[in-house]
Structures are given as structure tokens and as C-alpha cells.
C-alpha atoms as a PDB file:
ATOM      1  CA  UNK A   1      14.712   2.040  18.919  1.00  0.00           C
ATOM      2  CA  UNK A   2      17.511  -0.008  18.414  1.00  0.00           C
ATOM      3  CA  UNK A   3      18.865  -1.107  14.708  1.00  0.00           C
ATOM      4  CA  UNK A   4      18.744  -4.108  13.760  1.00  0.00           C
ATOM      5  CA  UNK A   5      21.117  -5.951  11.443  1.00  0.00           C
ATOM      6  CA  UNK A   6      21.322  -9.388  10.247  1.00  0.00           C
ATOM      7  CA  UNK A   7      24.437  -9.618   8.890  1.00  0.00           C
ATOM      8  CA  UNK A   8      24.966 -13.122   8.246  1.00  0.00           C
ATOM      9  CA  UNK A   9      21.737 -12.058   5.316  1.00  0.00           C
ATOM     10  CA  UNK A  10      22.884  -8.797   4.499  1.00  0.00           C
ATOM     11  CA  UNK A  11      20.211  -6.879   5.485  1.00  0.00           C
ATOM     12  CA  UNK A  12      19.342  -3.820   8.264  1.00  0.00           C
ATOM     13  CA  UNK A  13      17.019  -1.508   9.646  1.00  0.00           C
ATOM     14  CA  UNK A  14      15.442   0.697  11.653  1.00  0.00           C
ATOM     15  CA  UNK A  15      12.098   2.421  12.883  1.00  0.00           C
ATOM     16  CA  UNK A  16      11.821   5.268  14.133  1.00  0.00           C
ATOM     17  CA  UNK A  17       9.616   6.662  17.043  1.00  0.00           C
ATOM     18  CA  UNK A  18       7.957   8.355  15.035  1.00  0.00           C
ATOM     19  CA  UNK A  19       8.028   6.195  11.713  1.00  0.00           C
ATOM     20  CA  UNK A  20       6.205   3.782  14.869  1.00  0.00           C
ATOM     21  CA  UNK A  21       3.753   6.522  14.992  1.00  0.00           C
ATOM     22  CA  UNK A  22       2.764   7.950  12.077  1.00  0.00           C
ATOM     23  CA  UNK A  23       1.963   4.104  10.981  1.00  0.00           C
ATOM     24  CA  UNK A  24      -0.513   3.489  14.342  1.00  0.00           C
ATOM     25  CA  UNK A  25      -2.142   7.139  13.183  1.00  0.00           C
ATOM     26  CA  UNK A  26      -3.051   4.367   9.893  1.00  0.00           C
ATOM     27  CA  UNK A  27      -7.454   3.295   9.956  1.00  0.00           C
ATOM     28  CA  UNK A  28      -6.796  -0.105   9.513  1.00  0.00           C
ATOM     29  CA  UNK A  29      -7.626  -0.024   5.472  1.00  0.00           C
ATOM     30  CA  UNK A  30      -4.350   1.535   5.121  1.00  0.00           C
ATOM     31  CA  UNK A  31      -2.908  -0.280   7.038  1.00  0.00           C
ATOM     32  CA  UNK A  32      -3.731  -3.568   4.746  1.00  0.00           C
ATOM     33  CA  UNK A  33      -3.898  -1.409   1.614  1.00  0.00           C
ATOM     34  CA  UNK A  34       0.148  -0.915   2.770  1.00  0.00           C
ATOM     35  CA  UNK A  35       0.657  -4.738   3.417  1.00  0.00           C
ATOM     36  CA  UNK A  36      -0.488  -5.050   0.359  1.00  0.00           C
ATOM     37  CA  UNK A  37       1.660  -2.952  -1.287  1.00  0.00           C
ATOM     38  CA  UNK A  38       4.730  -4.390   0.167  1.00  0.00           C
ATOM     39  CA  UNK A  39       3.543  -8.037  -0.963  1.00  0.00           C
ATOM     40  CA  UNK A  40       3.104  -6.350  -4.461  1.00  0.00           C
ATOM     41  CA  UNK A  41       6.189  -5.000  -4.531  1.00  0.00           C
ATOM     42  CA  UNK A  42       7.496  -8.402  -3.856  1.00  0.00           C
ATOM     43  CA  UNK A  43       5.727 -10.380  -6.489  1.00  0.00           C
ATOM     44  CA  UNK A  44       6.935  -7.773  -8.509  1.00  0.00           C
ATOM     45  CA  UNK A  45      10.958  -8.050  -8.064  1.00  0.00           C
ATOM     46  CA  UNK A  46      10.910 -11.622  -6.769  1.00  0.00           C
ATOM     47  CA  UNK A  47      12.799 -14.556  -9.002  1.00  0.00           C
ATOM     48  CA  UNK A  48      11.637 -17.424 -11.226  1.00  0.00           C
ATOM     49  CA  UNK A  49      13.265 -19.811  -8.262  1.00  0.00           C
ATOM     50  CA  UNK A  50      11.787 -17.471  -5.769  1.00  0.00           C
ATOM     51  CA  UNK A  51       8.245 -17.258  -7.164  1.00  0.00           C
ATOM     52  CA  UNK A  52       8.679 -21.299  -6.917  1.00  0.00           C
ATOM     53  CA  UNK A  53       9.168 -21.666  -3.721  1.00  0.00           C
ATOM     54  CA  UNK A  54       6.102 -19.657  -2.552  1.00  0.00           C
ATOM     55  CA  UNK A  55       4.276 -21.866  -4.639  1.00  0.00           C
ATOM     56  CA  UNK A  56       5.370 -25.101  -3.118  1.00  0.00           C
ATOM     57  CA  UNK A  57       5.201 -22.985   0.873  1.00  0.00           C
ATOM     58  CA  UNK A  58       1.399 -22.121  -0.016  1.00  0.00           C
ATOM     59  CA  UNK A  59       0.442 -25.800  -1.241  1.00  0.00           C
ATOM     60  CA  UNK A  60       2.196 -26.962   1.616  1.00  0.00           C
ATOM     61  CA  UNK A  61       4.724 -28.946   0.456  1.00  0.00           C
ATOM     62  CA  UNK A  62       7.373 -29.460   2.234  1.00  0.00           C
ATOM     63  CA  UNK A  63      11.092 -26.650   1.701  1.00  0.00           C
ATOM     64  CA  UNK A  64      14.114 -28.898   1.079  1.00  0.00           C
END
């Protein structure tokens, strides 16, 4: 699989065929747990500004 990157925002990642195969073997519940764990991780690390933006988006407000 081709490496995906975005140099403007400073991130890149690669997902191998093996990783995709392992993910495909997870049960639906395990996949949902994986997503929830990722959500929790991002919530723990967010700044006050990011938290305010997320809350505004959740309420359906337009962003500047």
C-alpha cells in the first residue's frame, strides 16, 4: 500500500496488507472498541481550544 502523507499538516502513515488483514478478522464489537479507544485517546490529549471547537461543531455551529 502506498504511504499516505500530508506535508502541509505534518503527518503521514502507512497501513500494510497484514495490518488490514488483522483488522478484518476483528469482530464488530472489537472494531467498535478500537474506535472508542481511539476517540478516548484523542479526547484526553485535546487542548482547550480544540475542545471548544469540537463542542461547537457537535452543536452544529459554523466554524470561522
